[in-house]
Amino acid sequence: MRAQEIVRAPFTRRAWAEAAYCLAGLAPALAGGVVLTVLLVLGAGLTLSLVLAVVGVLLLLAGLRLARALGGVHRGLAARLLGERADAPPPLPPGEGLVGRLDARLRDGTGWRASAICSRTG
């Protein structure tokens, strides 16, 4: 790389777009990470008690849904600001009946991975 290219690199359109992506994604990442962490910790804690297990499972499900939504926000920001396209994760399997749907959502590997990533950034 030539010295002129190194000096001009921070002033390219791509560098400004990446900086805008970082600034635009910071607030949703921090807020979502905090809310997601609280939901998952409360959900896991309440699930340990027999009386509040239903509330705990509902909080866990809300946290997983929030993690998927935050992933969509960041995919949209990357598409608009950087021109990068990321494939959406596969949809949730439908499940049979109420217990089947709850089970399918609790076994949502994509949601758990997204929550782990969001919790680290928050």
N, C-alpha and C. Protein backbone atom coordinates (compact mmCIF):
# COMPACT_ATOMS: atom_id res chain seq x y z
N MET A 1 0.83 -1.17 0.00
CA MET A 1 0.00 0.00 0.00
C MET A 1 0.88 1.24 0.00
N ARG A 2 0.52 2.16 -0.83
CA ARG A 2 1.29 3.40 -0.89
C ARG A 2 0.91 4.33 0.24
N ALA A 3 1.78 5.26 0.54
CA ALA A 3 1.56 6.19 1.65
C ALA A 3 0.32 7.05 1.41
N GLN A 4 0.07 7.45 0.16
CA GLN A 4 -1.10 8.27 -0.14
C GLN A 4 -2.40 7.50 0.13
N GLU A 5 -2.42 6.22 -0.19
CA GLU A 5 -3.61 5.40 0.05
C GLU A 5 -3.87 5.25 1.55
N ILE A 6 -2.81 5.13 2.31
CA ILE A 6 -2.94 4.99 3.76
C ILE A 6 -3.49 6.28 4.36
N VAL A 7 -3.01 7.42 3.88
CA VAL A 7 -3.47 8.70 4.40
C VAL A 7 -4.92 8.95 4.01
N ARG A 8 -5.33 8.55 2.82
CA ARG A 8 -6.69 8.80 2.34
C ARG A 8 -7.71 7.78 2.83
N ALA A 9 -7.27 6.65 3.34
CA ALA A 9 -8.18 5.57 3.73
C ALA A 9 -9.26 6.01 4.72
N PRO A 10 -8.94 6.80 5.76
CA PRO A 10 -10.00 7.19 6.70
C PRO A 10 -11.03 8.15 6.11
N PHE A 11 -10.75 8.71 4.94
CA PHE A 11 -11.64 9.71 4.36
C PHE A 11 -12.44 9.19 3.18
N THR A 12 -12.46 7.89 2.99
CA THR A 12 -13.24 7.31 1.90
C THR A 12 -14.72 7.25 2.28
N ARG A 13 -15.56 7.10 1.28
CA ARG A 13 -16.99 6.99 1.51
C ARG A 13 -17.32 5.76 2.36
N ARG A 14 -16.63 4.67 2.12
CA ARG A 14 -16.87 3.44 2.88
C ARG A 14 -16.53 3.65 4.36
N ALA A 15 -15.43 4.34 4.65
CA ALA A 15 -15.05 4.59 6.04
C ALA A 15 -16.10 5.44 6.75
N TRP A 16 -16.64 6.44 6.07
CA TRP A 16 -17.69 7.26 6.67
C TRP A 16 -18.97 6.45 6.87
N ALA A 17 -19.28 5.57 5.93
CA ALA A 17 -20.46 4.72 6.07
C ALA A 17 -20.30 3.77 7.25
N GLU A 18 -19.11 3.21 7.43
CA GLU A 18 -18.87 2.32 8.57
C GLU A 18 -18.96 3.08 9.89
N ALA A 19 -18.46 4.30 9.92
CA ALA A 19 -18.56 5.11 11.14
C ALA A 19 -20.02 5.44 11.44
N ALA A 20 -20.80 5.76 10.40
CA ALA A 20 -22.23 6.04 10.60
C ALA A 20 -22.96 4.79 11.10
N TYR A 21 -22.60 3.62 10.58
CA TYR A 21 -23.20 2.37 11.04
C TYR A 21 -22.90 2.13 12.52
N CYS A 22 -21.66 2.37 12.91
CA CYS A 22 -21.28 2.18 14.32
C CYS A 22 -22.04 3.14 15.23
N LEU A 23 -22.17 4.39 14.82
CA LEU A 23 -22.89 5.36 15.64
C LEU A 23 -24.39 5.07 15.68
N ALA A 24 -24.97 4.70 14.52
CA ALA A 24 -26.41 4.43 14.47
C ALA A 24 -26.75 3.14 15.21
N GLY A 25 -25.86 2.17 15.20
CA GLY A 25 -26.14 0.90 15.86
C GLY A 25 -25.80 0.87 17.33
N LEU A 26 -25.12 1.89 17.83
CA LEU A 26 -24.69 1.89 19.23
C LEU A 26 -25.87 1.95 20.20
N ALA A 27 -26.80 2.87 19.97
CA ALA A 27 -27.93 3.03 20.90
C ALA A 27 -28.81 1.78 20.95
N PRO A 28 -29.24 1.21 19.80
CA PRO A 28 -30.05 -0.01 19.89
C PRO A 28 -29.27 -1.17 20.50
N ALA A 29 -27.98 -1.24 20.25
CA ALA A 29 -27.18 -2.34 20.80
C ALA A 29 -27.08 -2.23 22.32
N LEU A 30 -26.81 -1.05 22.82
CA LEU A 30 -26.69 -0.87 24.27
C LEU A 30 -28.03 -1.06 24.97
N ALA A 31 -29.07 -0.39 24.47
CA ALA A 31 -30.38 -0.50 25.09
C ALA A 31 -30.92 -1.93 24.99
N GLY A 32 -30.80 -2.51 23.81
CA GLY A 32 -31.28 -3.87 23.63
C GLY A 32 -30.50 -4.87 24.45
N GLY A 33 -29.21 -4.67 24.56
CA GLY A 33 -28.39 -5.58 25.36
C GLY A 33 -28.76 -5.55 26.82
N VAL A 34 -29.02 -4.34 27.34
CA VAL A 34 -29.40 -4.22 28.75
C VAL A 34 -30.77 -4.84 28.99
N VAL A 35 -31.74 -4.48 28.15
CA VAL A 35 -33.10 -5.02 28.32
C VAL A 35 -33.09 -6.54 28.15
N LEU A 36 -32.36 -7.02 27.17
CA LEU A 36 -32.30 -8.45 26.92
C LEU A 36 -31.66 -9.19 28.09
N THR A 37 -30.59 -8.64 28.63
CA THR A 37 -29.94 -9.28 29.77
C THR A 37 -30.88 -9.33 30.98
N VAL A 38 -31.60 -8.24 31.23
CA VAL A 38 -32.54 -8.22 32.34
C VAL A 38 -33.65 -9.25 32.13
N LEU A 39 -34.19 -9.31 30.91
CA LEU A 39 -35.25 -10.28 30.62
C LEU A 39 -34.76 -11.71 30.82
N LEU A 40 -33.58 -12.02 30.30
CA LEU A 40 -33.08 -13.38 30.41
C LEU A 40 -32.74 -13.76 31.85
N VAL A 41 -32.14 -12.83 32.60
CA VAL A 41 -31.80 -13.12 33.99
C VAL A 41 -33.06 -13.28 34.83
N LEU A 42 -34.01 -12.37 34.67
CA LEU A 42 -35.27 -12.50 35.40
C LEU A 42 -36.01 -13.77 35.01
N GLY A 43 -36.05 -14.03 33.70
CA GLY A 43 -36.74 -15.23 33.24
C GLY A 43 -36.12 -16.49 33.80
N ALA A 44 -34.79 -16.57 33.76
CA ALA A 44 -34.12 -17.76 34.29
C ALA A 44 -34.30 -17.86 35.80
N GLY A 45 -34.23 -16.74 36.49
CA GLY A 45 -34.40 -16.75 37.94
C GLY A 45 -35.80 -17.14 38.35
N LEU A 46 -36.79 -16.59 37.68
CA LEU A 46 -38.18 -16.92 38.02
C LEU A 46 -38.54 -18.35 37.63
N THR A 47 -37.88 -18.86 36.61
CA THR A 47 -38.16 -20.23 36.20
C THR A 47 -37.71 -21.22 37.27
N LEU A 48 -36.75 -20.85 38.09
CA LEU A 48 -36.28 -21.74 39.14
C LEU A 48 -37.31 -21.93 40.25
N SER A 49 -38.18 -20.94 40.45
CA SER A 49 -39.21 -21.12 41.47
C SER A 49 -40.45 -21.71 40.81
N LEU A 50 -41.06 -22.64 41.45
CA LEU A 50 -42.20 -23.33 40.88
C LEU A 50 -43.40 -22.41 40.68
N VAL A 51 -43.59 -21.48 41.60
CA VAL A 51 -44.76 -20.61 41.55
C VAL A 51 -44.69 -19.65 40.36
N LEU A 52 -43.51 -19.10 40.09
CA LEU A 52 -43.37 -18.09 39.03
C LEU A 52 -42.76 -18.65 37.75
N ALA A 53 -42.80 -19.95 37.56
CA ALA A 53 -42.18 -20.55 36.38
C ALA A 53 -42.83 -20.08 35.09
N VAL A 54 -44.13 -19.90 35.09
CA VAL A 54 -44.82 -19.45 33.87
C VAL A 54 -44.37 -18.05 33.49
N VAL A 55 -44.28 -17.17 34.47
CA VAL A 55 -43.81 -15.80 34.20
C VAL A 55 -42.37 -15.84 33.71
N GLY A 56 -41.54 -16.68 34.31
CA GLY A 56 -40.15 -16.80 33.89
C GLY A 56 -40.01 -17.28 32.46
N VAL A 57 -40.80 -18.28 32.08
CA VAL A 57 -40.74 -18.79 30.71
C VAL A 57 -41.21 -17.72 29.73
N LEU A 58 -42.24 -16.96 30.09
CA LEU A 58 -42.71 -15.88 29.22
C LEU A 58 -41.64 -14.80 29.05
N LEU A 59 -40.92 -14.48 30.12
CA LEU A 59 -39.83 -13.51 30.01
C LEU A 59 -38.69 -14.04 29.13
N LEU A 60 -38.38 -15.31 29.26
CA LEU A 60 -37.37 -15.90 28.38
C LEU A 60 -37.79 -15.82 26.92
N LEU A 61 -39.05 -16.14 26.65
CA LEU A 61 -39.55 -16.07 25.27
C LEU A 61 -39.52 -14.65 24.74
N ALA A 62 -39.87 -13.67 25.60
CA ALA A 62 -39.81 -12.27 25.18
C ALA A 62 -38.37 -11.86 24.88
N GLY A 63 -37.43 -12.34 25.67
CA GLY A 63 -36.02 -12.04 25.43
C GLY A 63 -35.52 -12.61 24.12
N LEU A 64 -35.93 -13.84 23.81
CA LEU A 64 -35.52 -14.45 22.54
C LEU A 64 -36.13 -13.72 21.35
N ARG A 65 -37.37 -13.30 21.49
CA ARG A 65 -38.01 -12.55 20.40
C ARG A 65 -37.32 -11.20 20.22
N LEU A 66 -36.96 -10.55 21.33
CA LEU A 66 -36.25 -9.28 21.26
C LEU A 66 -34.89 -9.44 20.59
N ALA A 67 -34.19 -10.53 20.88
CA ALA A 67 -32.89 -10.77 20.27
C ALA A 67 -33.02 -10.92 18.76
N ARG A 68 -34.04 -11.64 18.31
CA ARG A 68 -34.27 -11.77 16.86
C ARG A 68 -34.59 -10.41 16.24
N ALA A 69 -35.39 -9.59 16.94
CA ALA A 69 -35.75 -8.27 16.42
C ALA A 69 -34.53 -7.36 16.34
N LEU A 70 -33.67 -7.40 17.34
CA LEU A 70 -32.45 -6.58 17.30
C LEU A 70 -31.54 -7.00 16.16
N GLY A 71 -31.49 -8.30 15.88
CA GLY A 71 -30.73 -8.76 14.73
C GLY A 71 -31.28 -8.18 13.43
N GLY A 72 -32.59 -8.09 13.33
CA GLY A 72 -33.22 -7.47 12.15
C GLY A 72 -32.89 -6.00 12.03
N VAL A 73 -32.85 -5.30 13.17
CA VAL A 73 -32.49 -3.88 13.15
C VAL A 73 -31.07 -3.71 12.62
N HIS A 74 -30.15 -4.52 13.09
CA HIS A 74 -28.76 -4.39 12.65
C HIS A 74 -28.58 -4.84 11.20
N ARG A 75 -29.34 -5.84 10.75
CA ARG A 75 -29.28 -6.21 9.34
C ARG A 75 -29.78 -5.07 8.47
N GLY A 76 -30.84 -4.38 8.91
CA GLY A 76 -31.36 -3.24 8.16
C GLY A 76 -30.38 -2.08 8.11
N LEU A 77 -29.74 -1.80 9.24
CA LEU A 77 -28.73 -0.73 9.26
C LEU A 77 -27.56 -1.06 8.34
N ALA A 78 -27.12 -2.30 8.37
CA ALA A 78 -26.00 -2.70 7.51
C ALA A 78 -26.39 -2.58 6.04
N ALA A 79 -27.63 -2.93 5.72
CA ALA A 79 -28.08 -2.85 4.32
C ALA A 79 -28.16 -1.39 3.87
N ARG A 80 -28.73 -0.52 4.72
CA ARG A 80 -28.90 0.87 4.31
C ARG A 80 -27.59 1.65 4.31
N LEU A 81 -26.78 1.47 5.32
CA LEU A 81 -25.59 2.32 5.45
C LEU A 81 -24.37 1.75 4.74
N LEU A 82 -24.24 0.43 4.72
CA LEU A 82 -23.03 -0.18 4.17
C LEU A 82 -23.27 -0.89 2.84
N GLY A 83 -24.53 -1.12 2.51
CA GLY A 83 -24.82 -1.86 1.29
C GLY A 83 -24.55 -3.35 1.44
N GLU A 84 -24.41 -3.81 2.66
CA GLU A 84 -24.15 -5.23 2.93
C GLU A 84 -25.47 -5.94 3.20
N ARG A 85 -25.66 -7.07 2.57
CA ARG A 85 -26.88 -7.85 2.77
C ARG A 85 -26.55 -9.09 3.57
N ALA A 86 -27.27 -9.30 4.64
CA ALA A 86 -27.13 -10.50 5.45
C ALA A 86 -28.45 -11.26 5.40
N ASP A 87 -28.37 -12.55 5.22
CA ASP A 87 -29.58 -13.35 5.15
C ASP A 87 -30.28 -13.36 6.50
N ALA A 88 -31.60 -13.32 6.45
CA ALA A 88 -32.39 -13.43 7.68
C ALA A 88 -32.31 -14.86 8.19
N PRO A 89 -32.39 -15.06 9.49
CA PRO A 89 -32.36 -16.43 10.02
C PRO A 89 -33.62 -17.18 9.62
N PRO A 90 -33.58 -18.48 9.67
CA PRO A 90 -34.77 -19.25 9.32
C PRO A 90 -35.91 -18.95 10.29
N PRO A 91 -37.15 -19.04 9.81
CA PRO A 91 -38.28 -18.77 10.71
C PRO A 91 -38.40 -19.85 11.78
N LEU A 92 -39.13 -19.51 12.82
CA LEU A 92 -39.36 -20.47 13.90
C LEU A 92 -40.23 -21.62 13.40
N PRO A 93 -39.94 -22.84 13.84
CA PRO A 93 -40.84 -23.95 13.48
C PRO A 93 -42.18 -23.76 14.18
N PRO A 94 -43.28 -24.17 13.54
CA PRO A 94 -44.60 -23.88 14.09
C PRO A 94 -44.90 -24.59 15.40
N GLY A 95 -44.63 -25.84 15.56
CA GLY A 95 -44.96 -26.57 16.79
C GLY A 95 -46.45 -26.90 16.85
N GLU A 96 -46.77 -27.97 17.52
CA GLU A 96 -48.15 -28.43 17.66
C GLU A 96 -48.70 -28.03 19.02
N GLY A 97 -49.78 -27.29 19.05
CA GLY A 97 -50.40 -26.91 20.31
C GLY A 97 -49.58 -25.89 21.08
N LEU A 98 -50.08 -25.49 22.22
CA LEU A 98 -49.43 -24.47 23.04
C LEU A 98 -48.07 -24.94 23.56
N VAL A 99 -48.02 -26.15 24.09
CA VAL A 99 -46.77 -26.67 24.63
C VAL A 99 -45.74 -26.87 23.52
N GLY A 100 -46.19 -27.33 22.36
CA GLY A 100 -45.27 -27.50 21.22
C GLY A 100 -44.70 -26.19 20.75
N ARG A 101 -45.52 -25.14 20.71
CA ARG A 101 -45.02 -23.82 20.30
C ARG A 101 -44.03 -23.27 21.32
N LEU A 102 -44.35 -23.42 22.60
CA LEU A 102 -43.41 -22.97 23.64
C LEU A 102 -42.08 -23.72 23.54
N ASP A 103 -42.18 -25.02 23.34
CA ASP A 103 -40.97 -25.84 23.21
C ASP A 103 -40.15 -25.41 22.01
N ALA A 104 -40.81 -25.16 20.88
CA ALA A 104 -40.10 -24.74 19.66
C ALA A 104 -39.41 -23.40 19.88
N ARG A 105 -40.06 -22.50 20.58
CA ARG A 105 -39.45 -21.19 20.81
C ARG A 105 -38.31 -21.25 21.82
N LEU A 106 -38.43 -22.11 22.82
CA LEU A 106 -37.33 -22.25 23.78
C LEU A 106 -36.13 -22.97 23.17
N ARG A 107 -36.36 -23.77 22.14
CA ARG A 107 -35.26 -24.47 21.46
C ARG A 107 -34.74 -23.70 20.25
N ASP A 108 -35.11 -22.44 20.13
CA ASP A 108 -34.71 -21.60 19.01
C ASP A 108 -33.23 -21.26 19.11
N GLY A 109 -32.40 -22.02 18.42
CA GLY A 109 -30.95 -21.80 18.46
C GLY A 109 -30.55 -20.43 17.95
N THR A 110 -31.24 -19.95 16.91
CA THR A 110 -30.93 -18.64 16.36
C THR A 110 -31.19 -17.54 17.39
N GLY A 111 -32.30 -17.64 18.09
CA GLY A 111 -32.62 -16.65 19.12
C GLY A 111 -31.61 -16.66 20.26
N TRP A 112 -31.19 -17.84 20.68
CA TRP A 112 -30.20 -17.94 21.77
C TRP A 112 -28.86 -17.38 21.32
N ARG A 113 -28.44 -17.68 20.07
CA ARG A 113 -27.17 -17.12 19.58
C ARG A 113 -27.25 -15.60 19.49
N ALA A 114 -28.39 -15.09 18.99
CA ALA A 114 -28.56 -13.64 18.89
C ALA A 114 -28.55 -13.00 20.28
N SER A 115 -29.16 -13.66 21.25
CA SER A 115 -29.16 -13.10 22.60
C SER A 115 -27.77 -13.09 23.20
N ALA A 116 -26.97 -14.09 22.89
CA ALA A 116 -25.59 -14.11 23.38
C ALA A 116 -24.78 -12.97 22.78
N ILE A 117 -24.98 -12.70 21.50
CA ILE A 117 -24.27 -11.61 20.85
C ILE A 117 -24.74 -10.27 21.38
N CYS A 118 -26.07 -10.10 21.53
CA CYS A 118 -26.60 -8.83 22.05
C CYS A 118 -26.16 -8.58 23.48
N SER A 119 -26.11 -9.63 24.29
CA SER A 119 -25.71 -9.46 25.68
C SER A 119 -24.25 -9.05 25.80
N ARG A 120 -23.42 -9.52 24.87
CA ARG A 120 -22.00 -9.13 24.91
C ARG A 120 -21.80 -7.69 24.49
N THR A 121 -22.65 -7.17 23.57
CA THR A 121 -22.47 -5.80 23.12
C THR A 121 -23.07 -4.79 24.08
N GLY A 122 -24.05 -5.24 24.89
CA GLY A 122 -24.74 -4.32 25.79
C GLY A 122 -24.00 -4.04 27.05
